[in-house]
Amino acid sequence: MVKENKLFPEDQAKVDEFLKKGVNSVERKPFRPLRLLLILVVIVTGLSIFSVSLARISGIY
């Protein structure tokens, strides 16, 4: 299968040159799902403790 270009050769050359510059490439830290899970657990637990304590202070619970 031959991949056909939809651009003219001079336009494709401009695109290739731009992609080689690396303008859009950003060095990123690796994704850590366990850290995200820990942060979410801490936030949800903190909000739960806050809401229960607020309900006890106001006499609802």
PDB file of N, CA and C in Angstrom:
ATOM      1  N   MET A   1       0.829  -1.186   0.000  1.00  0.00           N
ATOM      2  CA  MET A   1       0.000   0.000   0.000  1.00  0.00           C
ATOM      3  C   MET A   1       0.871   1.246   0.000  1.00  0.00           C
ATOM      4  N   VAL A   2       0.602   2.107  -0.913  1.00  0.00           N
ATOM      5  CA  VAL A   2       1.350   3.355  -1.014  1.00  0.00           C
ATOM      6  C   VAL A   2       0.519   4.452  -0.377  1.00  0.00           C
ATOM      7  N   LYS A   3       1.146   5.181   0.537  1.00  0.00           N
ATOM      8  CA  LYS A   3       0.461   6.274   1.208  1.00  0.00           C
ATOM      9  C   LYS A   3       0.555   7.518   0.330  1.00  0.00           C
ATOM     10  N   GLU A   4      -0.598   8.035  -0.053  1.00  0.00           N
ATOM     11  CA  GLU A   4      -0.618   9.217  -0.904  1.00  0.00           C
ATOM     12  C   GLU A   4      -0.624  10.479  -0.050  1.00  0.00           C
ATOM     13  N   ASN A   5       0.184  11.449  -0.443  1.00  0.00           N
ATOM     14  CA  ASN A   5       0.192  12.742   0.219  1.00  0.00           C
ATOM     15  C   ASN A   5      -0.949  13.586  -0.303  1.00  0.00           C
ATOM     16  N   LYS A   6      -1.608  14.283   0.607  1.00  0.00           N
ATOM     17  CA  LYS A   6      -2.669  15.193   0.211  1.00  0.00           C
ATOM     18  C   LYS A   6      -2.137  16.611   0.064  1.00  0.00           C
ATOM     19  N   LEU A   7      -0.865  16.793   0.387  1.00  0.00           N
ATOM     20  CA  LEU A   7      -0.243  18.109   0.286  1.00  0.00           C
ATOM     21  C   LEU A   7       0.692  18.158  -0.910  1.00  0.00           C
ATOM     22  N   PHE A   8       0.918  19.374  -1.356  1.00  0.00           N
ATOM     23  CA  PHE A   8       1.925  19.568  -2.388  1.00  0.00           C
ATOM     24  C   PHE A   8       3.297  19.324  -1.767  1.00  0.00           C
ATOM     25  N   PRO A   9       4.288  18.952  -2.567  1.00  0.00           N
ATOM     26  CA  PRO A   9       5.614  18.641  -2.006  1.00  0.00           C
ATOM     27  C   PRO A   9       6.226  19.782  -1.199  1.00  0.00           C
ATOM     28  N   GLU A  10       6.074  21.023  -1.640  1.00  0.00           N
ATOM     29  CA  GLU A  10       6.662  22.136  -0.882  1.00  0.00           C
ATOM     30  C   GLU A  10       5.935  22.334   0.451  1.00  0.00           C
ATOM     31  N   ASP A  11       4.613  22.094   0.474  1.00  0.00           N
ATOM     32  CA  ASP A  11       3.879  22.189   1.732  1.00  0.00           C
ATOM     33  C   ASP A  11       4.262  21.049   2.676  1.00  0.00           C
ATOM     34  N   GLN A  12       4.431  19.860   2.120  1.00  0.00           N
ATOM     35  CA  GLN A  12       4.842  18.721   2.942  1.00  0.00           C
ATOM     36  C   GLN A  12       6.235  18.948   3.515  1.00  0.00           C
ATOM     37  N   ALA A  13       7.110  19.593   2.751  1.00  0.00           N
ATOM     38  CA  ALA A  13       8.456  19.898   3.241  1.00  0.00           C
ATOM     39  C   ALA A  13       8.387  20.876   4.411  1.00  0.00           C
ATOM     40  N   LYS A  14       7.481  21.858   4.344  1.00  0.00           N
ATOM     41  CA  LYS A  14       7.308  22.801   5.453  1.00  0.00           C
ATOM     42  C   LYS A  14       6.799  22.086   6.704  1.00  0.00           C
ATOM     43  N   VAL A  15       5.857  21.179   6.499  1.00  0.00           N
ATOM     44  CA  VAL A  15       5.315  20.424   7.628  1.00  0.00           C
ATOM     45  C   VAL A  15       6.401  19.552   8.256  1.00  0.00           C
ATOM     46  N   ASP A  16       7.162  18.865   7.431  1.00  0.00           N
ATOM     47  CA  ASP A  16       8.245  18.017   7.944  1.00  0.00           C
ATOM     48  C   ASP A  16       9.290  18.830   8.697  1.00  0.00           C
ATOM     49  N   GLU A  17       9.610  20.009   8.186  1.00  0.00           N
ATOM     50  CA  GLU A  17      10.588  20.877   8.842  1.00  0.00           C
ATOM     51  C   GLU A  17      10.073  21.337  10.201  1.00  0.00           C
ATOM     52  N   PHE A  18       8.795  21.682  10.261  1.00  0.00           N
ATOM     53  CA  PHE A  18       8.211  22.123  11.523  1.00  0.00           C
ATOM     54  C   PHE A  18       8.209  20.990  12.548  1.00  0.00           C
ATOM     55  N   LEU A  19       7.881  19.784  12.111  1.00  0.00           N
ATOM     56  CA  LEU A  19       7.840  18.650  13.032  1.00  0.00           C
ATOM     57  C   LEU A  19       9.215  18.282  13.553  1.00  0.00           C
ATOM     58  N   LYS A  20      10.256  18.535  12.782  1.00  0.00           N
ATOM     59  CA  LYS A  20      11.620  18.230  13.217  1.00  0.00           C
ATOM     60  C   LYS A  20      12.121  19.207  14.276  1.00  0.00           C
ATOM     61  N   LYS A  21      11.540  20.425  14.316  1.00  0.00           N
ATOM     62  CA  LYS A  21      11.988  21.428  15.279  1.00  0.00           C
ATOM     63  C   LYS A  21      11.719  20.996  16.713  1.00  0.00           C
ATOM     64  N   GLY A  22      10.667  20.225  16.929  1.00  0.00           N
ATOM     65  CA  GLY A  22      10.341  19.794  18.287  1.00  0.00           C
ATOM     66  C   GLY A  22       9.704  20.886  19.117  1.00  0.00           C
ATOM     67  N   VAL A  23       9.011  21.811  18.488  1.00  0.00           N
ATOM     68  CA  VAL A  23       8.386  22.914  19.207  1.00  0.00           C
ATOM     69  C   VAL A  23       7.327  22.392  20.166  1.00  0.00           C
ATOM     70  N   ASN A  24       6.592  21.388  19.748  1.00  0.00           N
ATOM     71  CA  ASN A  24       5.495  20.890  20.563  1.00  0.00           C
ATOM     72  C   ASN A  24       5.892  19.745  21.478  1.00  0.00           C
ATOM     73  N   SER A  25       7.134  19.342  21.459  1.00  0.00           N
ATOM     74  CA  SER A  25       7.543  18.240  22.319  1.00  0.00           C
ATOM     75  C   SER A  25       7.892  18.783  23.701  1.00  0.00           C
ATOM     76  N   VAL A  26       7.305  18.169  24.711  1.00  0.00           N
ATOM     77  CA  VAL A  26       7.496  18.600  26.092  1.00  0.00           C
ATOM     78  C   VAL A  26       7.973  17.397  26.888  1.00  0.00           C
ATOM     79  N   GLU A  27       8.991  17.616  27.685  1.00  0.00           N
ATOM     80  CA  GLU A  27       9.487  16.552  28.551  1.00  0.00           C
ATOM     81  C   GLU A  27       8.522  16.401  29.716  1.00  0.00           C
ATOM     82  N   ARG A  28       7.980  15.198  29.908  1.00  0.00           N
ATOM     83  CA  ARG A  28       6.987  14.980  30.951  1.00  0.00           C
ATOM     84  C   ARG A  28       7.471  13.914  31.921  1.00  0.00           C
ATOM     85  N   LYS A  29       6.999  14.063  33.160  1.00  0.00           N
ATOM     86  CA  LYS A  29       7.271  13.041  34.159  1.00  0.00           C
ATOM     87  C   LYS A  29       6.389  11.833  33.860  1.00  0.00           C
ATOM     88  N   PRO A  30       6.809  10.654  34.278  1.00  0.00           N
ATOM     89  CA  PRO A  30       5.969   9.474  34.042  1.00  0.00           C
ATOM     90  C   PRO A  30       4.676   9.551  34.855  1.00  0.00           C
ATOM     91  N   PHE A  31       3.607   9.019  34.280  1.00  0.00           N
ATOM     92  CA  PHE A  31       2.309   9.016  34.952  1.00  0.00           C
ATOM     93  C   PHE A  31       2.333   8.000  36.088  1.00  0.00           C
ATOM     94  N   ARG A  32       1.885   8.426  37.258  1.00  0.00           N
ATOM     95  CA  ARG A  32       1.882   7.551  38.430  1.00  0.00           C
ATOM     96  C   ARG A  32       0.445   7.386  38.921  1.00  0.00           C
ATOM     97  N   PRO A  33      -0.228   6.313  38.507  1.00  0.00           N
ATOM     98  CA  PRO A  33      -1.634   6.137  38.887  1.00  0.00           C
ATOM     99  C   PRO A  33      -1.833   5.922  40.383  1.00  0.00           C
ATOM    100  N   LEU A  34      -0.880   5.295  41.065  1.00  0.00           N
ATOM    101  CA  LEU A  34      -1.041   5.080  42.506  1.00  0.00           C
ATOM    102  C   LEU A  34      -0.973   6.395  43.281  1.00  0.00           C
ATOM    103  N   ARG A  35      -0.156   7.310  42.823  1.00  0.00           N
ATOM    104  CA  ARG A  35      -0.096   8.630  43.470  1.00  0.00           C
ATOM    105  C   ARG A  35      -1.423   9.361  43.289  1.00  0.00           C
ATOM    106  N   LEU A  36      -1.986   9.284  42.097  1.00  0.00           N
ATOM    107  CA  LEU A  36      -3.275   9.911  41.835  1.00  0.00           C
ATOM    108  C   LEU A  36      -4.359   9.292  42.715  1.00  0.00           C
ATOM    109  N   LEU A  37      -4.347   7.966  42.833  1.00  0.00           N
ATOM    110  CA  LEU A  37      -5.324   7.276  43.677  1.00  0.00           C
ATOM    111  C   LEU A  37      -5.171   7.699  45.132  1.00  0.00           C
ATOM    112  N   LEU A  38      -3.939   7.812  45.603  1.00  0.00           N
ATOM    113  CA  LEU A  38      -3.702   8.240  46.985  1.00  0.00           C
ATOM    114  C   LEU A  38      -4.210   9.664  47.217  1.00  0.00           C
ATOM    115  N   ILE A  39      -3.945  10.554  46.287  1.00  0.00           N
ATOM    116  CA  ILE A  39      -4.423  11.932  46.413  1.00  0.00           C
ATOM    117  C   ILE A  39      -5.940  11.970  46.449  1.00  0.00           C
ATOM    118  N   LEU A  40      -6.587  11.194  45.587  1.00  0.00           N
ATOM    119  CA  LEU A  40      -8.049  11.165  45.574  1.00  0.00           C
ATOM    120  C   LEU A  40      -8.613  10.609  46.874  1.00  0.00           C
ATOM    121  N   VAL A  41      -8.000   9.557  47.410  1.00  0.00           N
ATOM    122  CA  VAL A  41      -8.469   8.978  48.673  1.00  0.00           C
ATOM    123  C   VAL A  41      -8.321   9.986  49.806  1.00  0.00           C
ATOM    124  N   VAL A  42      -7.212  10.706  49.843  1.00  0.00           N
ATOM    125  CA  VAL A  42      -6.994  11.705  50.892  1.00  0.00           C
ATOM    126  C   VAL A  42      -8.020  12.833  50.784  1.00  0.00           C
ATOM    127  N   ILE A  43      -8.291  13.303  49.591  1.00  0.00           N
ATOM    128  CA  ILE A  43      -9.250  14.399  49.403  1.00  0.00           C
ATOM    129  C   ILE A  43     -10.662  13.953  49.776  1.00  0.00           C
ATOM    130  N   VAL A  44     -11.067  12.786  49.306  1.00  0.00           N
ATOM    131  CA  VAL A  44     -12.420  12.302  49.605  1.00  0.00           C
ATOM    132  C   VAL A  44     -12.579  12.032  51.094  1.00  0.00           C
ATOM    133  N   THR A  45     -11.564  11.457  51.724  1.00  0.00           N
ATOM    134  CA  THR A  45     -11.623  11.208  53.158  1.00  0.00           C
ATOM    135  C   THR A  45     -11.692  12.521  53.940  1.00  0.00           C
ATOM    136  N   GLY A  46     -10.884  13.484  53.538  1.00  0.00           N
ATOM    137  CA  GLY A  46     -10.909  14.787  54.206  1.00  0.00           C
ATOM    138  C   GLY A  46     -12.252  15.481  54.082  1.00  0.00           C
ATOM    139  N   LEU A  47     -12.842  15.445  52.899  1.00  0.00           N
ATOM    140  CA  LEU A  47     -14.158  16.057  52.719  1.00  0.00           C
ATOM    141  C   LEU A  47     -15.233  15.311  53.503  1.00  0.00           C
ATOM    142  N   SER A  48     -15.108  14.003  53.594  1.00  0.00           N
ATOM    143  CA  SER A  48     -16.072  13.220  54.364  1.00  0.00           C
ATOM    144  C   SER A  48     -15.983  13.557  55.850  1.00  0.00           C
ATOM    145  N   ILE A  49     -14.778  13.627  56.366  1.00  0.00           N
ATOM    146  CA  ILE A  49     -14.591  13.977  57.782  1.00  0.00           C
ATOM    147  C   ILE A  49     -15.111  15.380  58.042  1.00  0.00           C
ATOM    148  N   PHE A  50     -14.844  16.299  57.141  1.00  0.00           N
ATOM    149  CA  PHE A  50     -15.326  17.674  57.288  1.00  0.00           C
ATOM    150  C   PHE A  50     -16.850  17.732  57.298  1.00  0.00           C
ATOM    151  N   SER A  51     -17.496  17.001  56.389  1.00  0.00           N
ATOM    152  CA  SER A  51     -18.960  17.062  56.317  1.00  0.00           C
ATOM    153  C   SER A  51     -19.608  16.417  57.543  1.00  0.00           C
ATOM    154  N   VAL A  52     -19.038  15.303  58.026  1.00  0.00           N
ATOM    155  CA  VAL A  52     -19.589  14.658  59.219  1.00  0.00           C
ATOM    156  C   VAL A  52     -19.406  15.557  60.440  1.00  0.00           C
ATOM    157  N   SER A  53     -18.245  16.165  60.560  1.00  0.00           N
ATOM    158  CA  SER A  53     -18.018  17.058  61.703  1.00  0.00           C
ATOM    159  C   SER A  53     -18.908  18.304  61.625  1.00  0.00           C
ATOM    160  N   LEU A  54     -19.130  18.820  60.444  1.00  0.00           N
ATOM    161  CA  LEU A  54     -20.023  19.963  60.273  1.00  0.00           C
ATOM    162  C   LEU A  54     -21.463  19.596  60.626  1.00  0.00           C
ATOM    163  N   ALA A  55     -21.877  18.388  60.269  1.00  0.00           N
ATOM    164  CA  ALA A  55     -23.226  17.942  60.620  1.00  0.00           C
ATOM    165  C   ALA A  55     -23.371  17.752  62.118  1.00  0.00           C
ATOM    166  N   ARG A  56     -22.325  17.250  62.768  1.00  0.00           N
ATOM    167  CA  ARG A  56     -22.394  17.075  64.239  1.00  0.00           C
ATOM    168  C   ARG A  56     -22.410  18.421  64.961  1.00  0.00           C
ATOM    169  N   ILE A  57     -21.632  19.371  64.451  1.00  0.00           N
ATOM    170  CA  ILE A  57     -21.583  20.685  65.096  1.00  0.00           C
ATOM    171  C   ILE A  57     -22.931  21.393  64.974  1.00  0.00           C
ATOM    172  N   SER A  58     -23.569  21.265  63.843  1.00  0.00           N
ATOM    173  CA  SER A  58     -24.846  21.947  63.634  1.00  0.00           C
ATOM    174  C   SER A  58     -26.027  21.170  64.206  1.00  0.00           C
ATOM    175  N   GLY A  59     -25.801  19.969  64.737  1.00  0.00           N
ATOM    176  CA  GLY A  59     -26.849  19.208  65.397  1.00  0.00           C
ATOM    177  C   GLY A  59     -27.717  18.373  64.478  1.00  0.00           C
ATOM    178  N   ILE A  60     -27.323  18.201  63.242  1.00  0.00           N
ATOM    179  CA  ILE A  60     -28.106  17.422  62.299  1.00  0.00           C
ATOM    180  C   ILE A  60     -27.877  15.933  62.504  1.00  0.00           C
ATOM    181  N   TYR A  61     -26.662  15.570  62.849  1.00  0.00           N
ATOM    182  CA  TYR A  61     -26.294  14.148  62.928  1.00  0.00           C
ATOM    183  C   TYR A  61     -25.888  13.793  64.321  1.00  0.00           C
TER     184      TYR A  61
END
